[in-house]
Amino acid sequence: SDCALPIWIPAGGGAATVVSLGTPGDNPVQNITGIAVDGAGNLYIGDHENNRILVVTPTGVVSVLNITGLSPGLGSPTALACDAAGNLYIADFTNGRIIEVSSLVVSGSTSAGIGTVIPTGGYSFVGSTLTGLAIDPQGNLYAAARTDNNSSILKVTASGVVSTLAIPNNITPAVNDPQGVAADAMGNLYIA
């Protein structure tokens, strides 16, 4: 199928390399919608159409992440992020939720973790497209969400307090239809 594949560019520049994914689980990769890298160098790839996360180890071994504890299972991932503790966060478009995958084990051609839905208070992502996830150094999770008539950045603190981020209105044009979010080591937030 026609599908953009992730590329690897070495630190400091140099020749880019396409990350070889093969045909994991006998299903070709379709519509990559998010990538993240953990502290061990494992690459996580959201395979939107196949409702799964692929894991590529630093040595190039590819596996399908087995996420236990979720009902219903993962549906159409749209964004990914990793925190400093090695947890993976997944925006689940089909089920309108954010999932934290903890107790991750990546060993050769096997990868697994325990999935938990992140509580978001009264905020529902049903009907929204989560286009970006980010974790700041304090462990706060940010989610860029967009709908036909509403765009927002949701903040979930490490202690579970949920709020809609107040975006300063001194920007022209105003922030609308956010496509991504990132946080740097100092806690600054960037919105595309």
N, C-alpha and C. Protein backbone atom coordinates (compact mmCIF):
# COMPACT_ATOMS: atom_id res chain seq x y z
N SER A 1 0.84 -1.19 0.00
CA SER A 1 0.00 0.00 0.00
C SER A 1 0.88 1.24 0.00
N ASP A 2 0.30 2.37 -0.42
CA ASP A 2 1.02 3.62 -0.37
C ASP A 2 1.04 4.11 1.06
N CYS A 3 2.24 4.27 1.59
CA CYS A 3 2.36 4.64 2.99
C CYS A 3 3.69 5.32 3.20
N ALA A 4 3.67 6.48 3.84
CA ALA A 4 4.92 7.12 4.19
C ALA A 4 5.58 6.29 5.28
N LEU A 5 6.87 6.06 5.14
CA LEU A 5 7.61 5.30 6.14
C LEU A 5 8.47 6.24 6.96
N PRO A 6 8.71 5.89 8.22
CA PRO A 6 9.56 6.75 9.03
C PRO A 6 11.00 6.71 8.54
N ILE A 7 11.69 7.82 8.72
CA ILE A 7 13.11 7.87 8.37
C ILE A 7 13.92 8.19 9.61
N TRP A 8 15.17 7.77 9.60
CA TRP A 8 16.10 8.02 10.70
C TRP A 8 17.21 8.91 10.16
N ILE A 9 17.45 10.03 10.86
CA ILE A 9 18.54 10.93 10.52
C ILE A 9 19.48 10.96 11.71
N PRO A 10 20.75 10.59 11.53
CA PRO A 10 21.67 10.54 12.68
C PRO A 10 21.90 11.92 13.29
N ALA A 11 22.15 11.94 14.61
CA ALA A 11 22.47 13.19 15.30
C ALA A 11 23.66 13.83 14.61
N GLY A 12 23.59 15.13 14.42
CA GLY A 12 24.68 15.84 13.77
C GLY A 12 24.58 15.83 12.26
N GLY A 13 23.55 15.19 11.72
CA GLY A 13 23.35 15.17 10.27
C GLY A 13 23.88 13.88 9.66
N GLY A 14 23.89 13.85 8.36
CA GLY A 14 24.34 12.66 7.65
C GLY A 14 23.22 12.12 6.80
N ALA A 15 23.47 10.97 6.20
CA ALA A 15 22.51 10.35 5.29
C ALA A 15 21.30 9.83 6.07
N ALA A 16 20.14 10.07 5.53
CA ALA A 16 18.91 9.56 6.13
C ALA A 16 18.70 8.11 5.71
N THR A 17 18.05 7.35 6.57
CA THR A 17 17.76 5.94 6.30
C THR A 17 16.27 5.69 6.55
N VAL A 18 15.63 4.99 5.63
CA VAL A 18 14.24 4.59 5.84
C VAL A 18 14.22 3.46 6.86
N VAL A 19 13.35 3.58 7.87
CA VAL A 19 13.22 2.53 8.88
C VAL A 19 12.43 1.38 8.27
N SER A 20 13.06 0.23 8.17
CA SER A 20 12.42 -0.93 7.56
C SER A 20 11.41 -1.55 8.53
N LEU A 21 10.17 -1.66 8.08
CA LEU A 21 9.11 -2.21 8.93
C LEU A 21 8.66 -3.60 8.48
N GLY A 22 8.98 -3.99 7.26
CA GLY A 22 8.54 -5.29 6.78
C GLY A 22 7.02 -5.34 6.74
N THR A 23 6.47 -6.52 7.05
CA THR A 23 5.02 -6.72 7.10
C THR A 23 4.69 -7.35 8.43
N PRO A 24 4.68 -6.55 9.53
CA PRO A 24 4.44 -7.12 10.85
C PRO A 24 3.06 -7.75 10.96
N GLY A 25 3.03 -8.96 11.51
CA GLY A 25 1.75 -9.64 11.68
C GLY A 25 1.04 -9.92 10.37
N ASP A 26 1.77 -9.98 9.27
CA ASP A 26 1.22 -10.24 7.94
C ASP A 26 0.30 -9.14 7.44
N ASN A 27 0.31 -7.96 8.08
CA ASN A 27 -0.48 -6.82 7.62
C ASN A 27 0.46 -5.69 7.26
N PRO A 28 0.42 -5.22 6.01
CA PRO A 28 1.28 -4.09 5.67
C PRO A 28 0.89 -2.84 6.46
N VAL A 29 1.87 -2.01 6.76
CA VAL A 29 1.63 -0.77 7.50
C VAL A 29 0.79 0.17 6.65
N GLN A 30 -0.22 0.79 7.28
CA GLN A 30 -1.09 1.71 6.57
C GLN A 30 -1.31 2.97 7.39
N ASN A 31 -0.91 4.10 6.85
CA ASN A 31 -1.19 5.41 7.43
C ASN A 31 -0.54 5.63 8.79
N ILE A 32 0.74 5.87 8.79
CA ILE A 32 1.47 6.19 10.02
C ILE A 32 1.01 7.56 10.49
N THR A 33 0.55 7.64 11.74
CA THR A 33 -0.01 8.90 12.24
C THR A 33 0.68 9.42 13.48
N GLY A 34 1.68 8.75 13.97
CA GLY A 34 2.39 9.25 15.14
C GLY A 34 3.62 8.42 15.39
N ILE A 35 4.68 9.08 15.90
CA ILE A 35 5.89 8.36 16.28
C ILE A 35 6.41 8.94 17.58
N ALA A 36 7.11 8.11 18.34
CA ALA A 36 7.75 8.56 19.58
C ALA A 36 8.93 7.64 19.84
N VAL A 37 9.90 8.14 20.59
CA VAL A 37 11.09 7.36 20.94
C VAL A 37 11.24 7.40 22.45
N ASP A 38 11.50 6.22 23.06
CA ASP A 38 11.70 6.19 24.51
C ASP A 38 13.19 6.34 24.84
N GLY A 39 13.50 6.39 26.13
CA GLY A 39 14.86 6.60 26.58
C GLY A 39 15.82 5.48 26.21
N ALA A 40 15.30 4.30 25.90
CA ALA A 40 16.13 3.16 25.50
C ALA A 40 16.38 3.14 23.99
N GLY A 41 15.77 4.09 23.27
CA GLY A 41 15.95 4.15 21.83
C GLY A 41 14.95 3.35 21.03
N ASN A 42 13.92 2.81 21.67
CA ASN A 42 12.86 2.10 20.95
C ASN A 42 11.96 3.11 20.26
N LEU A 43 11.65 2.83 19.00
CA LEU A 43 10.78 3.70 18.20
C LEU A 43 9.37 3.11 18.20
N TYR A 44 8.38 3.93 18.55
CA TYR A 44 6.98 3.52 18.56
C TYR A 44 6.29 4.21 17.39
N ILE A 45 5.51 3.44 16.63
CA ILE A 45 4.88 3.95 15.41
C ILE A 45 3.39 3.64 15.46
N GLY A 46 2.56 4.67 15.30
CA GLY A 46 1.12 4.48 15.24
C GLY A 46 0.71 4.05 13.84
N ASP A 47 0.16 2.85 13.71
CA ASP A 47 -0.34 2.31 12.44
C ASP A 47 -1.86 2.46 12.47
N HIS A 48 -2.33 3.62 12.03
CA HIS A 48 -3.72 4.06 12.19
C HIS A 48 -4.73 3.06 11.64
N GLU A 49 -4.57 2.65 10.40
CA GLU A 49 -5.57 1.80 9.76
C GLU A 49 -5.61 0.38 10.33
N ASN A 50 -4.50 -0.08 10.90
CA ASN A 50 -4.45 -1.43 11.47
C ASN A 50 -4.68 -1.43 12.98
N ASN A 51 -5.00 -0.26 13.57
CA ASN A 51 -5.34 -0.17 15.00
C ASN A 51 -4.25 -0.78 15.89
N ARG A 52 -3.01 -0.38 15.65
CA ARG A 52 -1.92 -0.98 16.40
C ARG A 52 -0.73 -0.04 16.51
N ILE A 53 0.17 -0.42 17.42
CA ILE A 53 1.43 0.28 17.59
C ILE A 53 2.54 -0.69 17.23
N LEU A 54 3.45 -0.24 16.38
CA LEU A 54 4.62 -1.03 16.04
C LEU A 54 5.79 -0.53 16.88
N VAL A 55 6.67 -1.44 17.26
CA VAL A 55 7.86 -1.09 18.03
C VAL A 55 9.08 -1.52 17.22
N VAL A 56 10.03 -0.61 17.05
CA VAL A 56 11.28 -0.92 16.38
C VAL A 56 12.40 -0.71 17.39
N THR A 57 13.15 -1.77 17.68
CA THR A 57 14.25 -1.67 18.64
C THR A 57 15.43 -0.94 17.99
N PRO A 58 16.41 -0.50 18.78
CA PRO A 58 17.58 0.16 18.20
C PRO A 58 18.35 -0.72 17.21
N THR A 59 18.18 -2.04 17.31
CA THR A 59 18.84 -2.95 16.37
C THR A 59 17.98 -3.26 15.15
N GLY A 60 16.77 -2.67 15.07
CA GLY A 60 15.92 -2.82 13.90
C GLY A 60 14.90 -3.93 13.95
N VAL A 61 14.74 -4.60 15.10
CA VAL A 61 13.74 -5.67 15.21
C VAL A 61 12.36 -5.02 15.39
N VAL A 62 11.39 -5.47 14.60
CA VAL A 62 10.04 -4.90 14.60
C VAL A 62 9.06 -5.87 15.27
N SER A 63 8.19 -5.32 16.12
CA SER A 63 7.14 -6.13 16.73
C SER A 63 5.86 -5.29 16.83
N VAL A 64 4.75 -5.98 17.03
CA VAL A 64 3.47 -5.32 17.29
C VAL A 64 3.29 -5.28 18.80
N LEU A 65 3.05 -4.08 19.35
CA LEU A 65 2.89 -3.92 20.79
C LEU A 65 1.61 -4.60 21.26
N ASN A 66 1.74 -5.53 22.19
CA ASN A 66 0.60 -6.20 22.80
C ASN A 66 0.20 -5.40 24.04
N ILE A 67 -0.96 -4.73 23.97
CA ILE A 67 -1.43 -3.91 25.08
C ILE A 67 -2.55 -4.67 25.78
N THR A 68 -2.30 -5.02 27.04
CA THR A 68 -3.32 -5.72 27.82
C THR A 68 -4.07 -4.72 28.70
N GLY A 69 -5.24 -5.12 29.20
CA GLY A 69 -5.99 -4.31 30.15
C GLY A 69 -6.95 -3.32 29.54
N LEU A 70 -7.08 -3.27 28.21
CA LEU A 70 -7.98 -2.32 27.57
C LEU A 70 -9.23 -3.00 27.05
N SER A 71 -10.38 -2.37 27.31
CA SER A 71 -11.62 -2.84 26.74
C SER A 71 -12.49 -1.63 26.45
N PRO A 72 -12.78 -1.33 25.20
CA PRO A 72 -12.33 -2.04 24.01
C PRO A 72 -10.85 -1.81 23.76
N GLY A 73 -10.29 -2.59 22.84
CA GLY A 73 -8.88 -2.46 22.50
C GLY A 73 -8.58 -1.17 21.77
N LEU A 74 -7.32 -0.98 21.44
CA LEU A 74 -6.86 0.24 20.75
C LEU A 74 -7.53 0.37 19.40
N GLY A 75 -7.95 1.60 19.09
CA GLY A 75 -8.54 1.89 17.79
C GLY A 75 -7.94 3.14 17.17
N SER A 76 -7.36 3.02 16.01
CA SER A 76 -6.87 4.15 15.20
C SER A 76 -6.04 5.16 15.99
N PRO A 77 -4.79 4.81 16.33
CA PRO A 77 -3.93 5.76 17.04
C PRO A 77 -3.61 6.96 16.15
N THR A 78 -3.64 8.17 16.74
CA THR A 78 -3.37 9.38 15.96
C THR A 78 -2.16 10.17 16.46
N ALA A 79 -1.70 9.94 17.67
CA ALA A 79 -0.54 10.65 18.20
C ALA A 79 0.09 9.82 19.31
N LEU A 80 1.40 9.97 19.49
CA LEU A 80 2.13 9.22 20.51
C LEU A 80 3.09 10.13 21.25
N ALA A 81 3.41 9.77 22.49
CA ALA A 81 4.44 10.46 23.27
C ALA A 81 4.99 9.49 24.31
N CYS A 82 6.24 9.68 24.70
CA CYS A 82 6.87 8.89 25.77
C CYS A 82 7.29 9.83 26.88
N ASP A 83 7.17 9.38 28.13
CA ASP A 83 7.64 10.19 29.25
C ASP A 83 9.00 9.69 29.73
N ALA A 84 9.57 10.40 30.69
CA ALA A 84 10.91 10.07 31.19
C ALA A 84 10.94 8.73 31.92
N ALA A 85 9.79 8.27 32.41
CA ALA A 85 9.72 6.99 33.12
C ALA A 85 9.59 5.81 32.17
N GLY A 86 9.50 6.06 30.87
CA GLY A 86 9.39 4.98 29.90
C GLY A 86 7.97 4.57 29.57
N ASN A 87 6.98 5.35 29.99
CA ASN A 87 5.59 5.06 29.65
C ASN A 87 5.28 5.63 28.27
N LEU A 88 4.38 4.97 27.55
CA LEU A 88 3.94 5.40 26.23
C LEU A 88 2.52 5.93 26.35
N TYR A 89 2.24 7.05 25.69
CA TYR A 89 0.90 7.62 25.66
C TYR A 89 0.41 7.58 24.22
N ILE A 90 -0.86 7.18 24.07
CA ILE A 90 -1.44 6.99 22.75
C ILE A 90 -2.78 7.72 22.67
N ALA A 91 -2.96 8.53 21.63
CA ALA A 91 -4.26 9.13 21.35
C ALA A 91 -5.05 8.11 20.53
N ASP A 92 -6.18 7.65 21.07
CA ASP A 92 -7.02 6.62 20.47
C ASP A 92 -8.23 7.31 19.84
N PHE A 93 -8.18 7.52 18.53
CA PHE A 93 -9.23 8.26 17.83
C PHE A 93 -10.58 7.53 17.89
N THR A 94 -10.58 6.24 17.61
CA THR A 94 -11.83 5.48 17.53
C THR A 94 -12.63 5.55 18.82
N ASN A 95 -11.94 5.43 19.95
CA ASN A 95 -12.62 5.39 21.24
C ASN A 95 -12.59 6.71 22.00
N GLY A 96 -12.05 7.77 21.39
CA GLY A 96 -12.08 9.10 22.00
C GLY A 96 -11.39 9.17 23.35
N ARG A 97 -10.15 8.66 23.45
CA ARG A 97 -9.48 8.61 24.74
C ARG A 97 -7.96 8.66 24.58
N ILE A 98 -7.30 8.88 25.71
CA ILE A 98 -5.84 8.82 25.76
C ILE A 98 -5.47 7.62 26.63
N ILE A 99 -4.54 6.83 26.15
CA ILE A 99 -4.12 5.62 26.85
C ILE A 99 -2.69 5.77 27.32
N GLU A 100 -2.44 5.36 28.55
CA GLU A 100 -1.06 5.25 29.05
C GLU A 100 -0.70 3.77 29.05
N VAL A 101 0.43 3.44 28.44
CA VAL A 101 0.91 2.06 28.44
C VAL A 101 2.14 2.04 29.35
N SER A 102 2.01 1.32 30.46
CA SER A 102 3.09 1.22 31.44
C SER A 102 3.62 -0.20 31.48
N SER A 103 4.62 -0.42 32.30
CA SER A 103 5.26 -1.74 32.43
C SER A 103 5.65 -2.28 31.06
N LEU A 104 6.19 -1.39 30.22
CA LEU A 104 6.59 -1.79 28.88
C LEU A 104 7.78 -2.74 28.92
N VAL A 105 7.67 -3.80 28.15
CA VAL A 105 8.77 -4.74 27.98
C VAL A 105 8.99 -4.89 26.48
N VAL A 106 10.20 -4.56 26.05
CA VAL A 106 10.57 -4.73 24.65
C VAL A 106 11.77 -5.65 24.63
N SER A 107 11.58 -6.83 24.07
CA SER A 107 12.64 -7.83 24.05
C SER A 107 12.60 -8.57 22.72
N GLY A 108 13.54 -8.25 21.86
CA GLY A 108 13.58 -8.90 20.55
C GLY A 108 12.31 -8.64 19.78
N SER A 109 11.67 -9.71 19.32
CA SER A 109 10.47 -9.56 18.50
C SER A 109 9.18 -9.55 19.32
N THR A 110 9.31 -9.33 20.64
CA THR A 110 8.15 -9.27 21.52
C THR A 110 8.12 -7.91 22.23
N SER A 111 6.94 -7.32 22.28
CA SER A 111 6.76 -6.08 23.04
C SER A 111 5.37 -6.10 23.66
N ALA A 112 5.31 -5.67 24.92
CA ALA A 112 4.03 -5.71 25.63
C ALA A 112 3.99 -4.64 26.71
N GLY A 113 2.79 -4.27 27.12
CA GLY A 113 2.60 -3.32 28.19
C GLY A 113 1.15 -3.34 28.66
N ILE A 114 0.91 -2.67 29.78
CA ILE A 114 -0.43 -2.62 30.37
C ILE A 114 -1.05 -1.27 30.03
N GLY A 115 -2.23 -1.30 29.42
CA GLY A 115 -2.91 -0.08 29.02
C GLY A 115 -3.91 0.39 30.06
N THR A 116 -3.91 1.70 30.32
CA THR A 116 -4.85 2.33 31.23
C THR A 116 -5.37 3.60 30.56
N VAL A 117 -6.66 3.82 30.64
CA VAL A 117 -7.24 5.05 30.08
C VAL A 117 -6.95 6.20 31.04
N ILE A 118 -6.42 7.29 30.51
CA ILE A 118 -6.14 8.50 31.31
C ILE A 118 -7.47 9.20 31.58
N PRO A 119 -7.81 9.42 32.86
CA PRO A 119 -9.05 10.15 33.16
C PRO A 119 -8.94 11.61 32.69
N THR A 120 -9.95 12.09 31.99
CA THR A 120 -9.93 13.47 31.51
C THR A 120 -11.12 14.26 32.04
N GLY A 121 -11.59 13.90 33.21
CA GLY A 121 -12.68 14.65 33.83
C GLY A 121 -13.90 14.66 32.93
N GLY A 122 -14.52 15.79 32.78
CA GLY A 122 -15.71 15.91 31.95
C GLY A 122 -15.39 16.15 30.49
N TYR A 123 -14.11 16.20 30.15
CA TYR A 123 -13.74 16.47 28.76
C TYR A 123 -13.79 15.17 27.97
N SER A 124 -14.54 15.17 26.89
CA SER A 124 -14.65 13.99 26.04
C SER A 124 -13.98 14.27 24.70
N PHE A 125 -13.22 13.29 24.22
CA PHE A 125 -12.59 13.42 22.91
C PHE A 125 -13.42 12.78 21.80
N VAL A 126 -14.59 12.25 22.14
CA VAL A 126 -15.45 11.65 21.12
C VAL A 126 -15.83 12.74 20.12
N GLY A 127 -15.59 12.49 18.86
CA GLY A 127 -15.84 13.48 17.81
C GLY A 127 -14.69 14.42 17.58
N SER A 128 -13.62 14.28 18.37
CA SER A 128 -12.42 15.10 18.19
C SER A 128 -11.32 14.28 17.55
N THR A 129 -10.41 14.97 16.92
CA THR A 129 -9.20 14.32 16.44
C THR A 129 -8.06 14.81 17.31
N LEU A 130 -7.44 13.89 18.02
CA LEU A 130 -6.26 14.22 18.82
C LEU A 130 -5.07 14.21 17.89
N THR A 131 -4.50 15.38 17.65
CA THR A 131 -3.44 15.50 16.65
C THR A 131 -2.05 15.57 17.24
N GLY A 132 -1.94 15.67 18.55
CA GLY A 132 -0.62 15.72 19.15
C GLY A 132 -0.68 15.44 20.64
N LEU A 133 0.37 14.82 21.16
CA LEU A 133 0.54 14.58 22.59
C LEU A 133 1.95 14.98 22.97
N ALA A 134 2.10 15.51 24.18
CA ALA A 134 3.43 15.87 24.68
C ALA A 134 3.44 15.73 26.19
N ILE A 135 4.60 15.44 26.74
CA ILE A 135 4.81 15.35 28.18
C ILE A 135 5.89 16.35 28.54
N ASP A 136 5.63 17.20 29.55
CA ASP A 136 6.66 18.15 29.98
C ASP A 136 7.52 17.52 31.09
N PRO A 137 8.59 18.20 31.51
CA PRO A 137 9.49 17.62 32.52
C PRO A 137 8.82 17.35 33.87
N GLN A 138 7.71 18.01 34.16
CA GLN A 138 7.00 17.78 35.41
C GLN A 138 6.00 16.62 35.31
N GLY A 139 5.90 15.99 34.14
CA GLY A 139 4.99 14.87 33.95
C GLY A 139 3.59 15.26 33.54
N ASN A 140 3.38 16.54 33.19
CA ASN A 140 2.08 16.98 32.69
C ASN A 140 1.91 16.52 31.24
N LEU A 141 0.72 16.06 30.92
CA LEU A 141 0.39 15.60 29.57
C LEU A 141 -0.41 16.69 28.88
N TYR A 142 -0.04 17.00 27.63
CA TYR A 142 -0.77 17.97 26.82
C TYR A 142 -1.31 17.24 25.59
N ALA A 143 -2.56 17.52 25.23
CA ALA A 143 -3.18 16.91 24.07
C ALA A 143 -3.77 17.99 23.19
N ALA A 144 -3.38 18.01 21.93
CA ALA A 144 -3.98 18.92 20.95
C ALA A 144 -5.20 18.23 20.37
N ALA A 145 -6.35 18.88 20.50
CA ALA A 145 -7.61 18.29 20.02
C ALA A 145 -8.29 19.28 19.09
N ARG A 146 -8.85 18.75 18.02
CA ARG A 146 -9.59 19.63 17.10
C ARG A 146 -10.87 18.96 16.64
N THR A 147 -11.88 19.79 16.47
CA THR A 147 -13.16 19.35 15.94
C THR A 147 -13.57 20.35 14.87
N ASP A 148 -14.74 20.16 14.29
CA ASP A 148 -15.20 21.10 13.27
C ASP A 148 -15.42 22.50 13.83
N ASN A 149 -15.80 22.60 15.10
CA ASN A 149 -16.12 23.92 15.65
C ASN A 149 -15.35 24.25 16.93
N ASN A 150 -14.37 23.45 17.30
CA ASN A 150 -13.65 23.72 18.53
C ASN A 150 -12.23 23.16 18.44
N SER A 151 -11.29 23.94 18.88
CA SER A 151 -9.91 23.50 18.94
C SER A 151 -9.38 23.85 20.31
N SER A 152 -8.64 22.93 20.92
CA SER A 152 -8.15 23.21 22.26
C SER A 152 -6.91 22.39 22.57
N ILE A 153 -6.22 22.80 23.61
CA ILE A 153 -5.11 22.05 24.18
C ILE A 153 -5.55 21.66 25.58
N LEU A 154 -5.60 20.38 25.83
CA LEU A 154 -5.99 19.88 27.14
C LEU A 154 -4.73 19.56 27.93
N LYS A 155 -4.73 19.92 29.21
CA LYS A 155 -3.61 19.63 30.09
C LYS A 155 -4.09 18.68 31.19
N VAL A 156 -3.36 17.57 31.37
CA VAL A 156 -3.65 16.63 32.45
C VAL A 156 -2.39 16.61 33.31
N THR A 157 -2.50 17.08 34.54
CA THR A 157 -1.32 17.13 35.40
C THR A 157 -0.94 15.73 35.85
N ALA A 158 0.27 15.61 36.39
CA ALA A 158 0.75 14.32 36.87
C ALA A 158 -0.14 13.78 37.98
N SER A 159 -0.82 14.68 38.70
CA SER A 159 -1.73 14.24 39.77
C SER A 159 -3.16 14.02 39.28
N GLY A 160 -3.41 14.18 37.96
CA GLY A 160 -4.72 13.86 37.39
C GLY A 160 -5.68 15.02 37.27
N VAL A 161 -5.25 16.25 37.53
CA VAL A 161 -6.12 17.42 37.37
C VAL A 161 -6.19 17.79 35.89
N VAL A 162 -7.41 17.95 35.38
CA VAL A 162 -7.63 18.21 33.96
C VAL A 162 -8.10 19.64 33.76
N SER A 163 -7.51 20.32 32.77
CA SER A 163 -7.96 21.67 32.43
C SER A 163 -7.71 21.92 30.95
N THR A 164 -8.43 22.91 30.43
CA THR A 164 -8.18 23.36 29.07
C THR A 164 -7.17 24.49 29.17
N LEU A 165 -6.09 24.37 28.44
CA LEU A 165 -5.02 25.36 28.49
C LEU A 165 -5.50 26.69 27.92
N ALA A 166 -5.31 27.74 28.68
CA ALA A 166 -5.65 29.08 28.19
C ALA A 166 -4.52 29.55 27.28
N ILE A 167 -4.82 29.68 26.02
CA ILE A 167 -3.82 30.13 25.05
C ILE A 167 -3.90 31.65 24.97
N PRO A 168 -2.77 32.34 25.18
CA PRO A 168 -2.80 33.80 25.13
C PRO A 168 -3.41 34.30 23.82
N ASN A 169 -4.21 35.36 23.92
CA ASN A 169 -4.91 35.87 22.74
C ASN A 169 -4.14 36.98 22.03
N ASN A 170 -2.86 37.13 22.35
CA ASN A 170 -2.07 38.18 21.71
C ASN A 170 -1.44 37.71 20.39
N ILE A 171 -1.83 36.54 19.91
CA ILE A 171 -1.26 35.99 18.68
C ILE A 171 -2.24 36.22 17.54
N THR A 172 -1.69 36.73 16.43
CA THR A 172 -2.51 36.96 15.24
C THR A 172 -1.88 36.20 14.09
N PRO A 173 -2.61 35.34 13.42
CA PRO A 173 -3.98 34.95 13.73
C PRO A 173 -4.03 34.06 14.97
N ALA A 174 -5.22 33.91 15.52
CA ALA A 174 -5.40 33.12 16.73
C ALA A 174 -5.11 31.64 16.45
N VAL A 175 -4.73 30.93 17.50
CA VAL A 175 -4.49 29.49 17.36
C VAL A 175 -5.81 28.82 17.02
N ASN A 176 -5.80 28.07 15.93
CA ASN A 176 -7.00 27.38 15.47
C ASN A 176 -6.58 26.07 14.83
N ASP A 177 -7.33 25.03 15.07
CA ASP A 177 -7.09 23.74 14.44
C ASP A 177 -5.66 23.24 14.71
N PRO A 178 -5.27 23.06 15.98
CA PRO A 178 -3.90 22.65 16.29
C PRO A 178 -3.57 21.29 15.68
N GLN A 179 -2.39 21.20 15.11
CA GLN A 179 -1.95 19.96 14.46
C GLN A 179 -0.96 19.17 15.31
N GLY A 180 -0.36 19.81 16.30
CA GLY A 180 0.61 19.11 17.13
C GLY A 180 0.99 19.95 18.33
N VAL A 181 1.62 19.31 19.29
CA VAL A 181 2.06 19.98 20.50
C VAL A 181 3.37 19.33 20.95
N ALA A 182 4.27 20.14 21.50
CA ALA A 182 5.55 19.62 22.00
C ALA A 182 5.95 20.44 23.22
N ALA A 183 6.69 19.81 24.12
CA ALA A 183 7.21 20.50 25.31
C ALA A 183 8.72 20.29 25.35
N ASP A 184 9.45 21.34 25.73
CA ASP A 184 10.90 21.19 25.81
C ASP A 184 11.34 20.92 27.24
N ALA A 185 12.63 20.77 27.44
CA ALA A 185 13.19 20.42 28.75
C ALA A 185 12.94 21.48 29.81
N MET A 186 12.66 22.73 29.40
CA MET A 186 12.40 23.81 30.35
C MET A 186 10.91 23.95 30.65
N GLY A 187 10.07 23.15 29.99
CA GLY A 187 8.63 23.22 30.23
C GLY A 187 7.90 24.16 29.31
N ASN A 188 8.60 24.75 28.31
CA ASN A 188 7.94 25.59 27.33
C ASN A 188 7.08 24.71 26.42
N LEU A 189 5.95 25.24 26.01
CA LEU A 189 5.02 24.49 25.17
C LEU A 189 5.00 25.09 23.78
N TYR A 190 4.99 24.23 22.77
CA TYR A 190 4.97 24.65 21.37
C TYR A 190 3.73 24.02 20.74
N ILE A 191 2.99 24.83 19.97
CA ILE A 191 1.76 24.38 19.33
C ILE A 191 1.85 24.68 17.83
N ALA A 192 1.55 23.66 17.02
CA ALA A 192 1.54 23.87 15.56
C ALA A 192 0.10 23.94 15.11
